[in-house]
Amino acid sequence: MDNNDKQMYTAYSLYFTNLRPTSEEIRNYLETLFGADTVDENTINLWIEKFMDIPENEKRQEETYHWDYLEHYGIDWIHSRKVNELYELFQTYLKTSDLIPVGHQGPVPISGREMKWIWRLANRDSTDGIFKFSIQITKAIWEEAVEKAVNEQERTLDSIL
């Protein structure tokens, strides 16, 4: 992935996870990561126009997880209670891990796409159908879910744009 693609992917992730920042806010953030190689604001505006053409189901997966969007994640409503239990388990894990800064208040943002992968991986690893995971399994599921969500997100973005 070249530098321009990395910036577009970063802008895409930021756009859908941070309540639609402006092109100027996106550029400022990109500049902290890419320095002098940061694309100009006109390029970011073109990207945002393309982002708006992305199908609603894809957009919903990039946003912060919401229980009432299960159908957008491809999770049947029959599993809704278990998905929420799993979400709470991961919130507990994240708050006790070193991934979250001390003093962070409220839920840790998890995208719908990450939650979908957490659900899939938890089902794969659950032997009794009940979500009782050790910290090691929870950590492994979280790390793999994030990796799979990012890979899926990159493939989706490449196919759409």
N, C-alpha and C. Protein backbone atom coordinates (compact mmCIF):
# COMPACT_ATOMS: atom_id res chain seq x y z
N MET A 1 0.86 -1.16 0.00
CA MET A 1 0.00 0.00 0.00
C MET A 1 0.91 1.23 0.00
N ASP A 2 0.73 2.11 -0.99
CA ASP A 2 1.58 3.30 -1.05
C ASP A 2 1.10 4.36 -0.06
N ASN A 3 1.88 5.42 0.07
CA ASN A 3 1.62 6.47 1.05
C ASN A 3 0.25 7.12 0.84
N ASN A 4 -0.12 7.38 -0.42
CA ASN A 4 -1.41 7.99 -0.72
C ASN A 4 -2.56 7.08 -0.30
N ASP A 5 -2.42 5.77 -0.58
CA ASP A 5 -3.44 4.81 -0.17
C ASP A 5 -3.56 4.73 1.36
N LYS A 6 -2.43 4.78 2.05
CA LYS A 6 -2.46 4.75 3.52
C LYS A 6 -3.21 5.97 4.06
N GLN A 7 -2.98 7.11 3.44
CA GLN A 7 -3.66 8.32 3.89
C GLN A 7 -5.16 8.23 3.63
N MET A 8 -5.53 7.70 2.44
CA MET A 8 -6.95 7.58 2.13
C MET A 8 -7.62 6.60 3.10
N TYR A 9 -6.96 5.49 3.38
CA TYR A 9 -7.51 4.51 4.30
C TYR A 9 -7.65 5.11 5.71
N THR A 10 -6.65 5.87 6.13
CA THR A 10 -6.70 6.52 7.44
C THR A 10 -7.84 7.54 7.48
N ALA A 11 -7.99 8.31 6.41
CA ALA A 11 -9.08 9.30 6.33
C ALA A 11 -10.43 8.60 6.38
N TYR A 12 -10.55 7.49 5.67
CA TYR A 12 -11.78 6.70 5.65
C TYR A 12 -12.15 6.23 7.06
N SER A 13 -11.18 5.66 7.76
CA SER A 13 -11.42 5.17 9.11
C SER A 13 -11.81 6.32 10.03
N LEU A 14 -11.10 7.41 9.94
CA LEU A 14 -11.38 8.57 10.78
C LEU A 14 -12.75 9.15 10.48
N TYR A 15 -13.09 9.22 9.20
CA TYR A 15 -14.36 9.82 8.79
C TYR A 15 -15.55 9.08 9.39
N PHE A 16 -15.50 7.77 9.38
CA PHE A 16 -16.64 7.00 9.86
C PHE A 16 -16.63 6.72 11.35
N THR A 17 -15.50 6.87 12.00
CA THR A 17 -15.47 6.59 13.43
C THR A 17 -15.51 7.85 14.28
N ASN A 18 -15.35 9.01 13.69
CA ASN A 18 -15.27 10.23 14.48
C ASN A 18 -16.32 11.26 14.11
N LEU A 19 -17.53 10.83 13.89
CA LEU A 19 -18.65 11.75 13.68
C LEU A 19 -18.42 12.75 12.54
N ARG A 20 -17.95 12.25 11.44
CA ARG A 20 -17.82 13.03 10.21
C ARG A 20 -16.99 14.31 10.37
N PRO A 21 -15.70 14.17 10.65
CA PRO A 21 -14.87 15.37 10.76
C PRO A 21 -14.78 16.08 9.41
N THR A 22 -14.43 17.35 9.45
CA THR A 22 -14.28 18.13 8.22
C THR A 22 -12.99 17.73 7.52
N SER A 23 -12.86 18.15 6.26
CA SER A 23 -11.63 17.86 5.53
C SER A 23 -10.44 18.51 6.21
N GLU A 24 -10.63 19.67 6.80
CA GLU A 24 -9.53 20.34 7.51
C GLU A 24 -9.10 19.53 8.74
N GLU A 25 -10.08 19.01 9.49
CA GLU A 25 -9.75 18.19 10.66
C GLU A 25 -9.04 16.91 10.25
N ILE A 26 -9.50 16.31 9.15
CA ILE A 26 -8.84 15.09 8.66
C ILE A 26 -7.42 15.41 8.24
N ARG A 27 -7.24 16.51 7.51
CA ARG A 27 -5.90 16.88 7.05
C ARG A 27 -4.97 17.13 8.24
N ASN A 28 -5.45 17.83 9.25
CA ASN A 28 -4.63 18.07 10.44
C ASN A 28 -4.21 16.76 11.09
N TYR A 29 -5.13 15.81 11.17
CA TYR A 29 -4.79 14.52 11.75
C TYR A 29 -3.77 13.79 10.88
N LEU A 30 -4.01 13.76 9.57
CA LEU A 30 -3.07 13.09 8.66
C LEU A 30 -1.68 13.71 8.75
N GLU A 31 -1.64 15.01 8.91
CA GLU A 31 -0.35 15.71 8.99
C GLU A 31 0.46 15.25 10.21
N THR A 32 -0.23 14.90 11.30
CA THR A 32 0.49 14.40 12.48
C THR A 32 1.12 13.04 12.19
N LEU A 33 0.54 12.29 11.24
CA LEU A 33 1.05 10.96 10.92
C LEU A 33 2.01 10.97 9.74
N PHE A 34 1.74 11.80 8.73
CA PHE A 34 2.48 11.74 7.47
C PHE A 34 3.36 12.97 7.21
N GLY A 35 3.28 13.95 8.08
CA GLY A 35 4.14 15.13 7.95
C GLY A 35 4.00 15.85 6.62
N ALA A 36 5.14 16.18 6.03
CA ALA A 36 5.16 16.97 4.79
C ALA A 36 4.56 16.22 3.60
N ASP A 37 4.43 14.90 3.71
CA ASP A 37 3.87 14.10 2.61
C ASP A 37 2.35 14.06 2.61
N THR A 38 1.71 14.80 3.51
CA THR A 38 0.25 14.78 3.63
C THR A 38 -0.40 15.36 2.37
N VAL A 39 -1.46 14.69 1.92
CA VAL A 39 -2.20 15.17 0.74
C VAL A 39 -2.87 16.49 1.07
N ASP A 40 -3.26 17.22 0.01
CA ASP A 40 -3.90 18.52 0.25
C ASP A 40 -5.39 18.34 0.56
N GLU A 41 -6.00 19.42 1.02
CA GLU A 41 -7.39 19.38 1.45
C GLU A 41 -8.34 19.09 0.28
N ASN A 42 -8.00 19.53 -0.93
CA ASN A 42 -8.84 19.23 -2.10
C ASN A 42 -8.94 17.73 -2.34
N THR A 43 -7.83 17.04 -2.18
CA THR A 43 -7.83 15.58 -2.34
C THR A 43 -8.73 14.94 -1.30
N ILE A 44 -8.64 15.42 -0.07
CA ILE A 44 -9.48 14.88 1.00
C ILE A 44 -10.96 15.14 0.70
N ASN A 45 -11.28 16.30 0.17
CA ASN A 45 -12.66 16.59 -0.22
C ASN A 45 -13.16 15.62 -1.29
N LEU A 46 -12.30 15.26 -2.24
CA LEU A 46 -12.68 14.27 -3.26
C LEU A 46 -12.92 12.91 -2.62
N TRP A 47 -12.08 12.55 -1.67
CA TRP A 47 -12.27 11.28 -0.97
C TRP A 47 -13.60 11.27 -0.23
N ILE A 48 -13.90 12.36 0.46
CA ILE A 48 -15.15 12.44 1.23
C ILE A 48 -16.35 12.27 0.31
N GLU A 49 -16.30 12.85 -0.89
CA GLU A 49 -17.39 12.67 -1.86
C GLU A 49 -17.55 11.19 -2.20
N LYS A 50 -16.44 10.48 -2.37
CA LYS A 50 -16.51 9.04 -2.65
C LYS A 50 -17.03 8.26 -1.44
N PHE A 51 -16.60 8.68 -0.25
CA PHE A 51 -17.07 8.00 0.96
C PHE A 51 -18.60 8.07 1.06
N MET A 52 -19.17 9.18 0.62
CA MET A 52 -20.63 9.35 0.71
C MET A 52 -21.38 8.39 -0.21
N ASP A 53 -20.71 7.88 -1.25
CA ASP A 53 -21.34 6.94 -2.19
C ASP A 53 -21.28 5.49 -1.71
N ILE A 54 -20.62 5.25 -0.60
CA ILE A 54 -20.48 3.89 -0.09
C ILE A 54 -21.85 3.42 0.42
N PRO A 55 -22.24 2.17 0.12
CA PRO A 55 -23.53 1.65 0.57
C PRO A 55 -23.72 1.76 2.08
N GLU A 56 -24.96 1.98 2.48
CA GLU A 56 -25.30 2.22 3.89
C GLU A 56 -24.82 1.09 4.80
N ASN A 57 -24.96 -0.16 4.39
CA ASN A 57 -24.52 -1.27 5.24
C ASN A 57 -23.03 -1.20 5.52
N GLU A 58 -22.25 -0.80 4.53
CA GLU A 58 -20.80 -0.67 4.74
C GLU A 58 -20.50 0.49 5.69
N LYS A 59 -21.19 1.60 5.51
CA LYS A 59 -20.98 2.76 6.40
C LYS A 59 -21.28 2.39 7.85
N ARG A 60 -22.38 1.68 8.05
CA ARG A 60 -22.79 1.32 9.42
C ARG A 60 -21.73 0.47 10.11
N GLN A 61 -21.04 -0.38 9.34
CA GLN A 61 -20.03 -1.23 9.94
C GLN A 61 -18.81 -0.45 10.42
N GLU A 62 -18.56 0.68 9.81
CA GLU A 62 -17.40 1.49 10.20
C GLU A 62 -17.70 2.34 11.43
N GLU A 63 -18.96 2.64 11.65
CA GLU A 63 -19.34 3.46 12.79
C GLU A 63 -19.23 2.66 14.09
N THR A 64 -19.30 3.35 15.20
CA THR A 64 -19.25 2.70 16.50
C THR A 64 -20.40 1.70 16.61
N TYR A 65 -20.10 0.55 17.21
CA TYR A 65 -21.08 -0.53 17.37
C TYR A 65 -22.34 -0.03 18.05
N HIS A 66 -23.47 -0.39 17.47
CA HIS A 66 -24.79 -0.14 18.06
C HIS A 66 -25.57 -1.44 18.00
N TRP A 67 -26.13 -1.83 19.11
CA TRP A 67 -26.89 -3.07 19.19
C TRP A 67 -28.01 -3.11 18.15
N ASP A 68 -28.67 -1.97 17.91
CA ASP A 68 -29.80 -1.96 16.99
C ASP A 68 -29.40 -2.00 15.52
N TYR A 69 -28.11 -2.12 15.22
CA TYR A 69 -27.65 -2.25 13.83
C TYR A 69 -27.20 -3.68 13.50
N LEU A 70 -27.60 -4.65 14.31
CA LEU A 70 -27.12 -6.02 14.11
C LEU A 70 -27.30 -6.51 12.67
N GLU A 71 -28.41 -6.15 12.04
CA GLU A 71 -28.63 -6.63 10.67
C GLU A 71 -27.58 -6.08 9.71
N HIS A 72 -27.04 -4.89 10.01
CA HIS A 72 -25.99 -4.32 9.16
C HIS A 72 -24.67 -5.07 9.32
N TYR A 73 -24.52 -5.78 10.43
CA TYR A 73 -23.30 -6.54 10.68
C TYR A 73 -23.44 -8.00 10.24
N GLY A 74 -24.62 -8.36 9.76
CA GLY A 74 -24.84 -9.74 9.35
C GLY A 74 -25.04 -10.68 10.52
N ILE A 75 -25.54 -10.15 11.64
CA ILE A 75 -25.80 -10.98 12.83
C ILE A 75 -27.31 -11.08 13.02
N ASP A 76 -27.80 -12.30 13.10
CA ASP A 76 -29.23 -12.54 13.27
C ASP A 76 -29.68 -12.06 14.65
N TRP A 77 -30.87 -11.49 14.70
CA TRP A 77 -31.40 -10.94 15.96
C TRP A 77 -31.58 -12.00 17.03
N ILE A 78 -31.68 -13.24 16.65
CA ILE A 78 -31.83 -14.31 17.64
C ILE A 78 -30.61 -14.36 18.58
N HIS A 79 -29.47 -13.82 18.12
CA HIS A 79 -28.24 -13.82 18.91
C HIS A 79 -28.01 -12.51 19.65
N SER A 80 -28.97 -11.61 19.63
CA SER A 80 -28.75 -10.26 20.14
C SER A 80 -28.34 -10.23 21.61
N ARG A 81 -28.95 -11.04 22.44
CA ARG A 81 -28.59 -11.04 23.86
C ARG A 81 -27.15 -11.50 24.05
N LYS A 82 -26.77 -12.55 23.36
CA LYS A 82 -25.40 -13.07 23.48
C LYS A 82 -24.38 -12.08 22.93
N VAL A 83 -24.74 -11.38 21.86
CA VAL A 83 -23.84 -10.37 21.30
C VAL A 83 -23.61 -9.27 22.32
N ASN A 84 -24.67 -8.83 22.98
CA ASN A 84 -24.51 -7.79 24.00
C ASN A 84 -23.68 -8.28 25.20
N GLU A 85 -23.86 -9.53 25.58
CA GLU A 85 -23.04 -10.08 26.66
C GLU A 85 -21.57 -10.07 26.24
N LEU A 86 -21.32 -10.43 25.01
CA LEU A 86 -19.96 -10.44 24.49
C LEU A 86 -19.39 -9.02 24.42
N TYR A 87 -20.21 -8.07 24.00
CA TYR A 87 -19.80 -6.67 23.96
C TYR A 87 -19.39 -6.20 25.36
N GLU A 88 -20.21 -6.51 26.35
CA GLU A 88 -19.89 -6.12 27.73
C GLU A 88 -18.60 -6.79 28.22
N LEU A 89 -18.40 -8.05 27.86
CA LEU A 89 -17.17 -8.75 28.22
C LEU A 89 -15.96 -8.04 27.63
N PHE A 90 -16.06 -7.65 26.37
CA PHE A 90 -14.94 -6.96 25.74
C PHE A 90 -14.73 -5.57 26.32
N GLN A 91 -15.80 -4.90 26.68
CA GLN A 91 -15.64 -3.59 27.34
C GLN A 91 -14.87 -3.77 28.65
N THR A 92 -15.23 -4.79 29.41
CA THR A 92 -14.53 -5.06 30.67
C THR A 92 -13.07 -5.37 30.40
N TYR A 93 -12.82 -6.22 29.43
CA TYR A 93 -11.44 -6.56 29.09
C TYR A 93 -10.65 -5.32 28.68
N LEU A 94 -11.20 -4.50 27.79
CA LEU A 94 -10.48 -3.34 27.30
C LEU A 94 -10.17 -2.34 28.41
N LYS A 95 -11.11 -2.18 29.33
CA LYS A 95 -10.90 -1.23 30.43
C LYS A 95 -9.86 -1.71 31.42
N THR A 96 -9.62 -3.02 31.46
CA THR A 96 -8.61 -3.55 32.38
C THR A 96 -7.29 -3.84 31.67
N SER A 97 -7.24 -3.57 30.36
CA SER A 97 -6.00 -3.80 29.62
C SER A 97 -5.18 -2.53 29.58
N ASP A 98 -3.98 -2.64 29.08
CA ASP A 98 -3.14 -1.45 28.94
C ASP A 98 -3.39 -0.73 27.61
N LEU A 99 -4.43 -1.14 26.89
CA LEU A 99 -4.77 -0.52 25.61
C LEU A 99 -5.49 0.82 25.79
N ILE A 100 -6.13 0.99 26.93
CA ILE A 100 -6.96 2.17 27.17
C ILE A 100 -6.27 3.06 28.21
N PRO A 101 -6.18 4.36 27.93
CA PRO A 101 -5.52 5.26 28.88
C PRO A 101 -6.22 5.27 30.24
N VAL A 102 -5.44 5.39 31.29
CA VAL A 102 -5.98 5.47 32.65
C VAL A 102 -6.90 6.69 32.72
N GLY A 103 -8.04 6.52 33.35
CA GLY A 103 -8.97 7.62 33.51
C GLY A 103 -10.00 7.72 32.39
N HIS A 104 -9.91 6.84 31.37
CA HIS A 104 -10.90 6.88 30.28
C HIS A 104 -12.28 6.59 30.86
N GLN A 105 -13.25 7.40 30.49
CA GLN A 105 -14.62 7.24 30.98
C GLN A 105 -15.51 6.72 29.85
N GLY A 106 -16.51 5.94 30.20
CA GLY A 106 -17.48 5.47 29.23
C GLY A 106 -17.00 4.27 28.44
N PRO A 107 -17.85 3.80 27.53
CA PRO A 107 -17.48 2.63 26.73
C PRO A 107 -16.32 2.95 25.78
N VAL A 108 -15.53 1.93 25.51
CA VAL A 108 -14.43 2.05 24.55
C VAL A 108 -15.03 1.86 23.16
N PRO A 109 -14.79 2.78 22.24
CA PRO A 109 -15.38 2.63 20.90
C PRO A 109 -14.90 1.35 20.20
N ILE A 110 -15.86 0.57 19.75
CA ILE A 110 -15.61 -0.62 18.94
C ILE A 110 -16.47 -0.44 17.70
N SER A 111 -15.88 -0.59 16.53
CA SER A 111 -16.68 -0.43 15.31
C SER A 111 -17.61 -1.62 15.14
N GLY A 112 -18.65 -1.43 14.36
CA GLY A 112 -19.55 -2.52 14.04
C GLY A 112 -18.82 -3.67 13.37
N ARG A 113 -17.86 -3.34 12.50
CA ARG A 113 -17.09 -4.37 11.81
C ARG A 113 -16.25 -5.16 12.81
N GLU A 114 -15.65 -4.49 13.79
CA GLU A 114 -14.89 -5.20 14.81
C GLU A 114 -15.81 -6.10 15.63
N MET A 115 -16.99 -5.60 15.98
CA MET A 115 -17.91 -6.40 16.77
C MET A 115 -18.37 -7.62 15.99
N LYS A 116 -18.58 -7.45 14.69
CA LYS A 116 -18.97 -8.59 13.85
C LYS A 116 -17.89 -9.68 13.91
N TRP A 117 -16.63 -9.25 13.82
CA TRP A 117 -15.54 -10.22 13.86
C TRP A 117 -15.35 -10.80 15.25
N ILE A 118 -15.55 -10.02 16.28
CA ILE A 118 -15.49 -10.55 17.65
C ILE A 118 -16.54 -11.65 17.79
N TRP A 119 -17.74 -11.38 17.30
CA TRP A 119 -18.83 -12.36 17.36
C TRP A 119 -18.45 -13.64 16.62
N ARG A 120 -17.96 -13.49 15.41
CA ARG A 120 -17.59 -14.67 14.62
C ARG A 120 -16.49 -15.48 15.30
N LEU A 121 -15.47 -14.80 15.78
CA LEU A 121 -14.35 -15.49 16.40
C LEU A 121 -14.75 -16.11 17.74
N ALA A 122 -15.60 -15.43 18.48
CA ALA A 122 -16.05 -15.99 19.75
C ALA A 122 -16.85 -17.26 19.51
N ASN A 123 -17.65 -17.29 18.48
CA ASN A 123 -18.41 -18.50 18.16
C ASN A 123 -17.48 -19.63 17.77
N ARG A 124 -16.44 -19.30 17.08
CA ARG A 124 -15.48 -20.32 16.67
C ARG A 124 -14.78 -20.91 17.89
N ASP A 125 -14.45 -20.06 18.86
CA ASP A 125 -13.66 -20.50 20.00
C ASP A 125 -14.49 -21.00 21.18
N SER A 126 -15.78 -20.76 21.17
CA SER A 126 -16.61 -21.16 22.29
C SER A 126 -16.93 -22.64 22.20
N THR A 127 -16.63 -23.38 23.26
CA THR A 127 -16.88 -24.81 23.25
C THR A 127 -18.25 -25.16 23.83
N ASP A 128 -18.76 -24.29 24.68
CA ASP A 128 -20.03 -24.62 25.31
C ASP A 128 -21.14 -23.64 24.93
N GLY A 129 -20.86 -22.74 24.01
CA GLY A 129 -21.88 -21.80 23.57
C GLY A 129 -22.13 -20.67 24.55
N ILE A 130 -21.44 -20.66 25.66
CA ILE A 130 -21.59 -19.60 26.65
C ILE A 130 -20.30 -18.78 26.64
N PHE A 131 -20.42 -17.47 26.74
CA PHE A 131 -19.25 -16.63 26.62
C PHE A 131 -18.53 -16.50 27.96
N LYS A 132 -17.72 -17.49 28.26
CA LYS A 132 -16.88 -17.46 29.46
C LYS A 132 -15.46 -17.69 28.98
N PHE A 133 -14.77 -16.60 28.69
CA PHE A 133 -13.43 -16.70 28.15
C PHE A 133 -12.40 -16.28 29.18
N SER A 134 -11.24 -16.90 29.09
CA SER A 134 -10.13 -16.43 29.92
C SER A 134 -9.60 -15.14 29.30
N ILE A 135 -8.79 -14.42 30.04
CA ILE A 135 -8.20 -13.19 29.53
C ILE A 135 -7.36 -13.49 28.29
N GLN A 136 -6.64 -14.61 28.27
CA GLN A 136 -5.81 -14.93 27.12
C GLN A 136 -6.65 -15.11 25.86
N ILE A 137 -7.76 -15.83 25.97
CA ILE A 137 -8.62 -16.04 24.81
C ILE A 137 -9.27 -14.73 24.40
N THR A 138 -9.71 -13.95 25.38
CA THR A 138 -10.32 -12.66 25.08
C THR A 138 -9.34 -11.77 24.32
N LYS A 139 -8.11 -11.72 24.80
CA LYS A 139 -7.08 -10.91 24.15
C LYS A 139 -6.83 -11.41 22.73
N ALA A 140 -6.73 -12.72 22.57
CA ALA A 140 -6.48 -13.29 21.24
C ALA A 140 -7.64 -13.00 20.29
N ILE A 141 -8.87 -13.13 20.78
CA ILE A 141 -10.04 -12.85 19.95
C ILE A 141 -10.05 -11.38 19.56
N TRP A 142 -9.78 -10.49 20.51
CA TRP A 142 -9.78 -9.06 20.21
C TRP A 142 -8.74 -8.73 19.15
N GLU A 143 -7.51 -9.20 19.33
CA GLU A 143 -6.44 -8.89 18.38
C GLU A 143 -6.76 -9.44 16.99
N GLU A 144 -7.26 -10.66 16.93
CA GLU A 144 -7.59 -11.25 15.63
C GLU A 144 -8.79 -10.53 15.01
N ALA A 145 -9.77 -10.15 15.82
CA ALA A 145 -10.94 -9.43 15.30
C ALA A 145 -10.53 -8.10 14.69
N VAL A 146 -9.66 -7.38 15.36
CA VAL A 146 -9.21 -6.09 14.82
C VAL A 146 -8.47 -6.31 13.50
N GLU A 147 -7.59 -7.30 13.46
CA GLU A 147 -6.85 -7.59 12.23
C GLU A 147 -7.80 -7.96 11.09
N LYS A 148 -8.76 -8.83 11.36
CA LYS A 148 -9.71 -9.24 10.32
C LYS A 148 -10.60 -8.08 9.90
N ALA A 149 -11.02 -7.24 10.84
CA ALA A 149 -11.85 -6.09 10.51
C ALA A 149 -11.09 -5.12 9.62
N VAL A 150 -9.83 -4.87 9.93
CA VAL A 150 -9.02 -3.97 9.11
C VAL A 150 -8.82 -4.55 7.72
N ASN A 151 -8.54 -5.84 7.62
CA ASN A 151 -8.37 -6.47 6.31
C ASN A 151 -9.66 -6.40 5.49
N GLU A 152 -10.78 -6.67 6.13
CA GLU A 152 -12.07 -6.59 5.43
C GLU A 152 -12.35 -5.16 5.00
N GLN A 153 -12.06 -4.22 5.87
CA GLN A 153 -12.28 -2.80 5.57
C GLN A 153 -11.43 -2.38 4.38
N GLU A 154 -10.17 -2.80 4.33
CA GLU A 154 -9.29 -2.45 3.21
C GLU A 154 -9.82 -3.04 1.90
N ARG A 155 -10.24 -4.31 1.94
CA ARG A 155 -10.79 -4.94 0.73
C ARG A 155 -12.05 -4.23 0.26
N THR A 156 -12.91 -3.88 1.19
CA THR A 156 -14.16 -3.19 0.86
C THR A 156 -13.85 -1.84 0.25
N LEU A 157 -12.96 -1.10 0.87
CA LEU A 157 -12.61 0.22 0.37
C LEU A 157 -12.00 0.13 -1.02
N ASP A 158 -11.10 -0.83 -1.24
CA ASP A 158 -10.48 -1.01 -2.56
C ASP A 158 -11.53 -1.31 -3.63
N SER A 159 -12.52 -2.15 -3.28
CA SER A 159 -13.53 -2.53 -4.28
C SER A 159 -14.51 -1.40 -4.58
N ILE A 160 -14.75 -0.54 -3.61
CA ILE A 160 -15.71 0.55 -3.79
C ILE A 160 -15.07 1.73 -4.50
N LEU A 161 -13.85 2.05 -4.11
CA LEU A 161 -13.18 3.22 -4.68
C LEU A 161 -12.34 2.81 -5.85
